[in-house]
Amino acid sequence: TAALVDNLDLVISVDTSTAHLAGALGKPIWILNRFDTCWRWLLDREDSPWYPSLRLIRQNDDRRWGSVLERVRAGLLDFAASGRGPESDEMDVAGDMRLAHL
């Protein structure tokens, strides 16, 4: 798993061992997090003191995933446009990206 994660530009996950592995490897990791989060993700922040490359994308108090996925979509577009993401031929006109599934 570590070798696979090491070859990715970005890991998007829920709170799993793969997410922690990516953070430990220093890979960019976005965690989709529920509103009533685990204590280790603290409150009222989008970063983590344990993994500097981590971004938390948390549900609002309505506990729905739609707003989380909208923020992920916007973040992916910014990530790709910044040159940190895959080459431009990896994106189609709608801005969808091919993703690796772990």
N, C-alpha and C. Protein backbone atom coordinates (compact mmCIF):
# COMPACT_ATOMS: atom_id res chain seq x y z
N THR A 1 0.82 -1.19 0.00
CA THR A 1 0.00 0.00 0.00
C THR A 1 0.87 1.25 0.00
N ALA A 2 1.95 1.24 0.74
CA ALA A 2 2.83 2.41 0.81
C ALA A 2 3.40 2.75 -0.56
N ALA A 3 3.79 1.75 -1.34
CA ALA A 3 4.33 2.00 -2.67
C ALA A 3 3.28 2.61 -3.58
N LEU A 4 2.06 2.13 -3.48
CA LEU A 4 0.97 2.69 -4.29
C LEU A 4 0.71 4.14 -3.90
N VAL A 5 0.57 4.40 -2.61
CA VAL A 5 0.32 5.76 -2.13
C VAL A 5 1.45 6.69 -2.55
N ASP A 6 2.67 6.21 -2.51
CA ASP A 6 3.82 7.03 -2.87
C ASP A 6 3.78 7.49 -4.32
N ASN A 7 3.06 6.76 -5.16
CA ASN A 7 2.97 7.12 -6.58
C ASN A 7 1.77 7.99 -6.91
N LEU A 8 0.99 8.37 -5.93
CA LEU A 8 -0.18 9.22 -6.15
C LEU A 8 0.16 10.69 -5.94
N ASP A 9 -0.53 11.55 -6.66
CA ASP A 9 -0.37 12.99 -6.46
C ASP A 9 -1.14 13.46 -5.23
N LEU A 10 -2.25 12.79 -4.95
CA LEU A 10 -3.15 13.20 -3.88
C LEU A 10 -3.96 11.98 -3.45
N VAL A 11 -4.18 11.85 -2.16
CA VAL A 11 -5.03 10.79 -1.62
C VAL A 11 -6.26 11.46 -1.02
N ILE A 12 -7.43 10.99 -1.40
CA ILE A 12 -8.69 11.45 -0.82
C ILE A 12 -9.34 10.23 -0.19
N SER A 13 -9.65 10.35 1.10
CA SER A 13 -10.11 9.17 1.84
C SER A 13 -10.98 9.61 3.00
N VAL A 14 -11.66 8.64 3.59
CA VAL A 14 -12.24 8.84 4.90
C VAL A 14 -11.15 8.45 5.90
N ASP A 15 -11.46 8.50 7.19
CA ASP A 15 -10.47 8.22 8.22
C ASP A 15 -10.15 6.73 8.27
N THR A 16 -9.13 6.33 7.51
CA THR A 16 -8.72 4.93 7.42
C THR A 16 -7.21 4.84 7.60
N SER A 17 -6.72 3.61 7.65
CA SER A 17 -5.28 3.41 7.77
C SER A 17 -4.56 3.96 6.54
N THR A 18 -5.19 3.93 5.38
CA THR A 18 -4.57 4.49 4.17
C THR A 18 -4.37 5.99 4.33
N ALA A 19 -5.34 6.66 4.92
CA ALA A 19 -5.21 8.10 5.15
C ALA A 19 -4.04 8.39 6.09
N HIS A 20 -3.92 7.61 7.15
CA HIS A 20 -2.82 7.81 8.10
C HIS A 20 -1.48 7.48 7.45
N LEU A 21 -1.43 6.48 6.61
CA LEU A 21 -0.21 6.13 5.89
C LEU A 21 0.21 7.28 4.98
N ALA A 22 -0.74 7.82 4.24
CA ALA A 22 -0.43 8.95 3.35
C ALA A 22 0.11 10.13 4.15
N GLY A 23 -0.52 10.42 5.28
CA GLY A 23 -0.04 11.51 6.12
C GLY A 23 1.37 11.25 6.64
N ALA A 24 1.63 10.02 7.06
CA ALA A 24 2.96 9.67 7.57
C ALA A 24 4.02 9.75 6.48
N LEU A 25 3.62 9.48 5.23
CA LEU A 25 4.56 9.57 4.10
C LEU A 25 4.73 11.00 3.60
N GLY A 26 3.91 11.92 4.13
CA GLY A 26 3.99 13.31 3.70
C GLY A 26 3.29 13.58 2.38
N LYS A 27 2.47 12.64 1.93
CA LYS A 27 1.72 12.83 0.69
C LYS A 27 0.52 13.73 0.97
N PRO A 28 0.12 14.54 0.01
CA PRO A 28 -1.10 15.33 0.20
C PRO A 28 -2.28 14.38 0.44
N ILE A 29 -3.00 14.62 1.52
CA ILE A 29 -4.13 13.78 1.90
C ILE A 29 -5.30 14.67 2.32
N TRP A 30 -6.45 14.40 1.74
CA TRP A 30 -7.68 15.08 2.13
C TRP A 30 -8.57 14.03 2.76
N ILE A 31 -8.97 14.29 3.99
CA ILE A 31 -9.86 13.36 4.69
C ILE A 31 -11.26 13.93 4.71
N LEU A 32 -12.21 13.15 4.21
CA LEU A 32 -13.62 13.49 4.27
C LEU A 32 -14.09 13.04 5.64
N ASN A 33 -14.46 14.00 6.46
CA ASN A 33 -14.70 13.72 7.86
C ASN A 33 -16.14 14.03 8.25
N ARG A 34 -16.68 13.20 9.12
CA ARG A 34 -18.05 13.41 9.57
C ARG A 34 -18.11 14.56 10.60
N PHE A 35 -19.30 15.07 10.79
CA PHE A 35 -19.50 16.21 11.70
C PHE A 35 -19.06 15.87 13.13
N ASP A 36 -19.47 14.72 13.62
CA ASP A 36 -19.11 14.31 14.98
C ASP A 36 -17.81 13.52 14.94
N THR A 37 -16.76 14.21 14.66
CA THR A 37 -15.46 13.64 14.36
C THR A 37 -14.77 12.97 15.55
N CYS A 38 -13.78 12.19 15.23
CA CYS A 38 -12.93 11.59 16.25
C CYS A 38 -12.10 12.68 16.93
N TRP A 39 -11.77 12.48 18.17
CA TRP A 39 -11.04 13.49 18.95
C TRP A 39 -9.73 13.92 18.32
N ARG A 40 -9.06 13.02 17.60
CA ARG A 40 -7.73 13.34 17.08
C ARG A 40 -7.73 14.41 16.00
N TRP A 41 -8.92 14.67 15.41
CA TRP A 41 -8.99 15.69 14.35
C TRP A 41 -9.33 17.06 14.90
N LEU A 42 -9.48 17.15 16.20
CA LEU A 42 -9.74 18.42 16.87
C LEU A 42 -10.99 19.09 16.28
N LEU A 43 -11.27 20.28 16.70
CA LEU A 43 -12.46 20.99 16.22
C LEU A 43 -12.06 22.31 15.58
N ASP A 44 -12.90 22.79 14.71
CA ASP A 44 -12.75 24.12 14.12
C ASP A 44 -11.42 24.34 13.41
N ARG A 45 -10.94 23.32 12.71
CA ARG A 45 -9.73 23.48 11.91
C ARG A 45 -9.75 22.51 10.75
N GLU A 46 -9.00 22.84 9.70
CA GLU A 46 -8.92 22.00 8.51
C GLU A 46 -7.57 21.34 8.36
N ASP A 47 -6.68 21.54 9.30
CA ASP A 47 -5.35 20.94 9.23
C ASP A 47 -5.16 19.99 10.41
N SER A 48 -3.99 19.43 10.50
CA SER A 48 -3.68 18.50 11.57
C SER A 48 -2.28 18.76 12.10
N PRO A 49 -2.11 18.78 13.41
CA PRO A 49 -0.75 18.94 13.95
C PRO A 49 0.11 17.69 13.73
N TRP A 50 -0.52 16.57 13.40
CA TRP A 50 0.22 15.32 13.23
C TRP A 50 0.69 15.11 11.80
N TYR A 51 -0.07 15.61 10.83
CA TYR A 51 0.27 15.41 9.42
C TYR A 51 0.20 16.75 8.70
N PRO A 52 1.34 17.40 8.47
CA PRO A 52 1.32 18.72 7.82
C PRO A 52 0.71 18.72 6.42
N SER A 53 0.69 17.58 5.73
CA SER A 53 0.17 17.53 4.37
C SER A 53 -1.33 17.22 4.32
N LEU A 54 -1.97 17.19 5.49
CA LEU A 54 -3.37 16.77 5.58
C LEU A 54 -4.32 17.97 5.55
N ARG A 55 -5.43 17.76 4.86
CA ARG A 55 -6.53 18.73 4.84
C ARG A 55 -7.80 17.98 5.25
N LEU A 56 -8.49 18.49 6.26
CA LEU A 56 -9.76 17.92 6.71
C LEU A 56 -10.91 18.62 6.00
N ILE A 57 -11.79 17.85 5.43
CA ILE A 57 -12.99 18.40 4.79
C ILE A 57 -14.16 17.79 5.54
N ARG A 58 -14.74 18.57 6.42
CA ARG A 58 -15.71 18.06 7.39
C ARG A 58 -17.14 18.41 7.00
N GLN A 59 -18.06 17.53 7.36
CA GLN A 59 -19.47 17.82 7.18
C GLN A 59 -19.86 19.07 7.97
N ASN A 60 -20.85 19.80 7.46
CA ASN A 60 -21.43 20.88 8.23
C ASN A 60 -22.34 20.28 9.29
N ASP A 61 -22.93 21.12 10.10
CA ASP A 61 -23.80 20.59 11.15
C ASP A 61 -25.08 19.96 10.62
N ASP A 62 -25.34 20.08 9.31
CA ASP A 62 -26.50 19.38 8.74
C ASP A 62 -26.20 17.89 8.51
N ARG A 63 -24.92 17.51 8.64
CA ARG A 63 -24.46 16.12 8.54
C ARG A 63 -24.72 15.48 7.18
N ARG A 64 -24.72 16.30 6.15
CA ARG A 64 -24.90 15.79 4.79
C ARG A 64 -23.56 15.83 4.07
N TRP A 65 -23.40 14.95 3.10
CA TRP A 65 -22.12 14.83 2.39
C TRP A 65 -22.05 15.70 1.15
N GLY A 66 -23.17 16.25 0.70
CA GLY A 66 -23.16 17.04 -0.53
C GLY A 66 -22.19 18.22 -0.48
N SER A 67 -22.19 18.96 0.60
CA SER A 67 -21.30 20.12 0.69
C SER A 67 -19.83 19.68 0.77
N VAL A 68 -19.59 18.53 1.39
CA VAL A 68 -18.23 17.99 1.45
C VAL A 68 -17.74 17.67 0.04
N LEU A 69 -18.57 17.00 -0.73
CA LEU A 69 -18.18 16.62 -2.09
C LEU A 69 -18.03 17.84 -3.00
N GLU A 70 -18.82 18.88 -2.78
CA GLU A 70 -18.65 20.12 -3.55
C GLU A 70 -17.30 20.77 -3.24
N ARG A 71 -16.90 20.77 -1.96
CA ARG A 71 -15.60 21.33 -1.60
C ARG A 71 -14.46 20.49 -2.16
N VAL A 72 -14.64 19.17 -2.20
CA VAL A 72 -13.63 18.30 -2.80
C VAL A 72 -13.50 18.62 -4.29
N ARG A 73 -14.63 18.74 -4.97
CA ARG A 73 -14.61 19.05 -6.41
C ARG A 73 -13.87 20.37 -6.67
N ALA A 74 -14.22 21.40 -5.92
CA ALA A 74 -13.57 22.70 -6.09
C ALA A 74 -12.08 22.60 -5.78
N GLY A 75 -11.74 21.85 -4.72
CA GLY A 75 -10.33 21.67 -4.37
C GLY A 75 -9.56 20.92 -5.42
N LEU A 76 -10.18 19.91 -6.02
CA LEU A 76 -9.51 19.15 -7.09
C LEU A 76 -9.23 20.03 -8.30
N LEU A 77 -10.18 20.87 -8.65
CA LEU A 77 -9.97 21.78 -9.78
C LEU A 77 -8.81 22.73 -9.49
N ASP A 78 -8.76 23.27 -8.27
CA ASP A 78 -7.65 24.14 -7.88
C ASP A 78 -6.33 23.38 -7.85
N PHE A 79 -6.36 22.17 -7.33
CA PHE A 79 -5.15 21.34 -7.24
C PHE A 79 -4.58 21.08 -8.63
N ALA A 80 -5.44 20.70 -9.56
CA ALA A 80 -4.99 20.42 -10.93
C ALA A 80 -4.50 21.69 -11.62
N ALA A 81 -5.20 22.79 -11.41
CA ALA A 81 -4.81 24.05 -12.06
C ALA A 81 -3.49 24.59 -11.51
N SER A 82 -3.16 24.23 -10.29
CA SER A 82 -1.93 24.73 -9.67
C SER A 82 -0.68 24.03 -10.19
N GLY A 83 -0.88 22.98 -10.98
CA GLY A 83 0.27 22.23 -11.48
C GLY A 83 0.73 21.13 -10.56
N ARG A 84 0.07 20.97 -9.42
CA ARG A 84 0.44 19.90 -8.49
C ARG A 84 -0.23 18.60 -8.86
N GLY A 85 -1.29 18.68 -9.66
CA GLY A 85 -2.05 17.49 -10.02
C GLY A 85 -1.51 16.83 -11.26
N PRO A 86 -2.28 15.89 -11.81
CA PRO A 86 -1.85 15.17 -13.01
C PRO A 86 -1.76 16.09 -14.22
N GLU A 87 -1.13 15.60 -15.25
CA GLU A 87 -1.00 16.36 -16.49
C GLU A 87 -2.38 16.75 -17.02
N SER A 88 -2.45 17.78 -17.82
CA SER A 88 -3.72 18.30 -18.29
C SER A 88 -4.51 17.27 -19.09
N ASP A 89 -3.86 16.30 -19.73
CA ASP A 89 -4.61 15.30 -20.49
C ASP A 89 -5.33 14.31 -19.58
N GLU A 90 -5.10 14.41 -18.27
CA GLU A 90 -5.81 13.56 -17.32
C GLU A 90 -7.20 14.13 -17.00
N MET A 91 -7.49 15.33 -17.47
CA MET A 91 -8.77 15.95 -17.16
C MET A 91 -9.60 16.07 -18.41
N ASP A 92 -10.90 15.90 -18.26
CA ASP A 92 -11.78 16.13 -19.40
C ASP A 92 -12.41 17.51 -19.28
N VAL A 93 -13.26 17.86 -20.22
CA VAL A 93 -13.84 19.19 -20.28
C VAL A 93 -14.62 19.52 -19.01
N ALA A 94 -15.28 18.55 -18.42
CA ALA A 94 -16.10 18.79 -17.23
C ALA A 94 -15.25 18.95 -15.96
N GLY A 95 -13.96 18.73 -16.05
CA GLY A 95 -13.10 18.86 -14.89
C GLY A 95 -13.04 17.60 -14.04
N ASP A 96 -13.53 16.49 -14.58
CA ASP A 96 -13.48 15.24 -13.83
C ASP A 96 -12.08 14.65 -13.96
N MET A 97 -11.60 14.02 -12.90
CA MET A 97 -10.27 13.43 -12.91
C MET A 97 -10.38 11.92 -12.76
N ARG A 98 -9.46 11.22 -13.37
CA ARG A 98 -9.36 9.78 -13.13
C ARG A 98 -8.78 9.58 -11.74
N LEU A 99 -9.35 8.71 -10.96
CA LEU A 99 -8.91 8.51 -9.58
C LEU A 99 -8.46 7.09 -9.36
N ALA A 100 -7.48 6.93 -8.51
CA ALA A 100 -7.05 5.59 -8.12
C ALA A 100 -7.91 5.14 -6.95
N HIS A 101 -8.39 3.93 -6.99
CA HIS A 101 -9.20 3.38 -5.90
C HIS A 101 -8.36 2.40 -5.13
N LEU A 102 -8.20 2.64 -3.85
CA LEU A 102 -7.42 1.74 -3.00
C LEU A 102 -8.30 0.72 -2.37
